[in-house]
Amino acid sequence: MLLSSVNQVLLPPWLFAPTQAVSGKCTLLYHFKRMVESAGISDLATRDIVPYSLRHYMITQRIMSGLDFRAIADMCGTSITQIERTHYHLNERYGSPMPY
């Protein structure tokens, strides 16, 4: 991680200007929106993609890859029950691969 003299995180030069520092939530959301737009998602206008969407996507991918719910819960700092509640649509198809 690159830090400036005032301990602000500097963003990678391949993503933004190398001298630009992240200093607040608005700045992060602005750049997140730019990244999402540049991803070329066709139905972007009808989807509510926010930074938290990345967490949901990661958990979904772990469930689909067969990782047991306990490992996913530990990795994400949540409970098995919460994962089952939030990702119930995957439970029927993929289930919990390992009893807990």
Protein backbone atom coordinates (compact mmCIF):
# COMPACT_ATOMS: atom_id res chain seq x y z
CA MET A 1 0.00 0.00 0.00
CA LEU A 2 1.35 3.40 -0.92
CA LEU A 3 1.00 6.17 1.65
CA SER A 4 1.44 9.89 1.26
CA SER A 5 3.04 12.09 3.89
CA VAL A 6 -0.36 12.59 5.55
CA ASN A 7 -1.17 8.85 5.59
CA GLN A 8 -3.70 8.93 2.78
CA VAL A 9 -3.84 5.86 0.56
CA LEU A 10 -2.53 6.57 -2.92
CA LEU A 11 -4.33 4.73 -5.68
CA PRO A 12 -2.42 2.61 -8.20
CA PRO A 13 -1.25 4.60 -11.24
CA TRP A 14 -2.85 2.08 -13.61
CA LEU A 15 -6.25 2.96 -12.17
CA PHE A 16 -6.12 6.68 -11.42
CA ALA A 17 -3.68 9.55 -11.52
CA PRO A 18 -0.66 8.55 -9.39
CA THR A 19 -0.80 11.69 -7.27
CA GLN A 20 -4.47 11.37 -6.40
CA ALA A 21 -5.12 10.39 -2.76
CA VAL A 22 -8.27 8.84 -1.34
CA SER A 23 -9.44 10.92 1.57
CA GLY A 24 -13.13 10.21 2.03
CA LYS A 25 -16.19 8.13 1.37
CA CYS A 26 -17.39 10.38 -1.45
CA THR A 27 -14.09 9.98 -3.27
CA LEU A 28 -14.19 6.21 -2.91
CA LEU A 29 -17.78 6.02 -4.15
CA TYR A 30 -16.96 8.29 -7.09
CA HIS A 31 -14.12 6.00 -8.18
CA PHE A 32 -16.12 2.86 -7.50
CA LYS A 33 -18.85 4.18 -9.80
CA ARG A 34 -16.22 4.90 -12.49
CA MET A 35 -14.87 1.35 -12.22
CA VAL A 36 -18.34 -0.19 -12.42
CA GLU A 37 -19.20 1.93 -15.46
CA SER A 38 -15.96 0.93 -17.19
CA ALA A 39 -16.76 -2.75 -16.57
CA GLY A 40 -19.32 -2.60 -19.38
CA ILE A 41 -22.25 -4.10 -17.47
CA SER A 42 -25.14 -4.03 -19.91
CA ASP A 43 -28.00 -3.55 -17.44
CA LEU A 44 -26.14 -1.16 -15.12
CA ALA A 45 -28.99 1.37 -15.10
CA THR A 46 -31.42 -1.15 -13.59
CA ARG A 47 -29.04 -2.65 -11.01
CA ASP A 48 -28.07 -1.19 -7.67
CA ILE A 49 -24.36 -2.03 -7.62
CA VAL A 50 -22.61 -0.69 -4.54
CA PRO A 51 -19.29 -1.62 -2.90
CA TYR A 52 -21.17 -4.10 -0.66
CA SER A 53 -22.19 -5.94 -3.85
CA LEU A 54 -18.60 -7.22 -4.06
CA ARG A 55 -19.01 -9.00 -0.70
CA HIS A 56 -22.26 -10.61 -1.83
CA TYR A 57 -20.62 -11.70 -5.09
CA MET A 58 -17.63 -13.18 -3.25
CA ILE A 59 -19.85 -15.17 -0.88
CA THR A 60 -21.96 -16.40 -3.82
CA GLN A 61 -18.84 -17.56 -5.67
CA ARG A 62 -17.57 -19.40 -2.58
CA ILE A 63 -20.91 -21.20 -2.15
CA MET A 64 -20.97 -22.19 -5.83
CA SER A 65 -17.39 -23.47 -5.64
CA GLY A 66 -18.38 -25.85 -2.84
CA LEU A 67 -16.70 -24.21 0.13
CA ASP A 68 -18.50 -25.15 3.34
CA PHE A 69 -20.67 -22.51 4.97
CA ARG A 70 -18.64 -22.52 8.22
CA ALA A 71 -15.48 -21.53 6.30
CA ILE A 72 -17.35 -18.81 4.43
CA ALA A 73 -18.91 -17.48 7.65
CA ASP A 74 -15.50 -17.38 9.36
CA MET A 75 -13.91 -15.68 6.35
CA CYS A 76 -16.58 -12.98 6.24
CA GLY A 77 -17.13 -12.45 9.94
CA THR A 78 -20.76 -13.53 9.85
CA SER A 79 -22.87 -16.53 10.84
CA ILE A 80 -23.91 -19.60 8.89
CA THR A 81 -27.53 -18.65 9.57
CA GLN A 82 -27.02 -15.20 8.02
CA ILE A 83 -25.39 -16.69 4.92
CA GLU A 84 -28.27 -19.15 4.54
CA ARG A 85 -30.82 -16.36 4.98
CA THR A 86 -29.16 -14.00 2.51
CA HIS A 87 -28.20 -16.62 -0.06
CA TYR A 88 -31.27 -18.85 0.31
CA HIS A 89 -31.67 -18.97 -3.47
CA LEU A 90 -28.42 -20.94 -3.65
CA ASN A 91 -29.24 -23.30 -0.77
CA GLU A 92 -31.60 -25.43 -2.85
CA ARG A 93 -29.16 -25.75 -5.73
CA TYR A 94 -25.82 -25.99 -3.93
CA GLY A 95 -26.79 -26.63 -0.30
CA SER A 96 -24.28 -26.62 2.49
CA PRO A 97 -21.61 -29.04 1.26
CA MET A 98 -20.59 -29.96 4.79
CA PRO A 99 -22.61 -30.39 7.96
CA TYR A 100 -21.94 -27.85 10.67
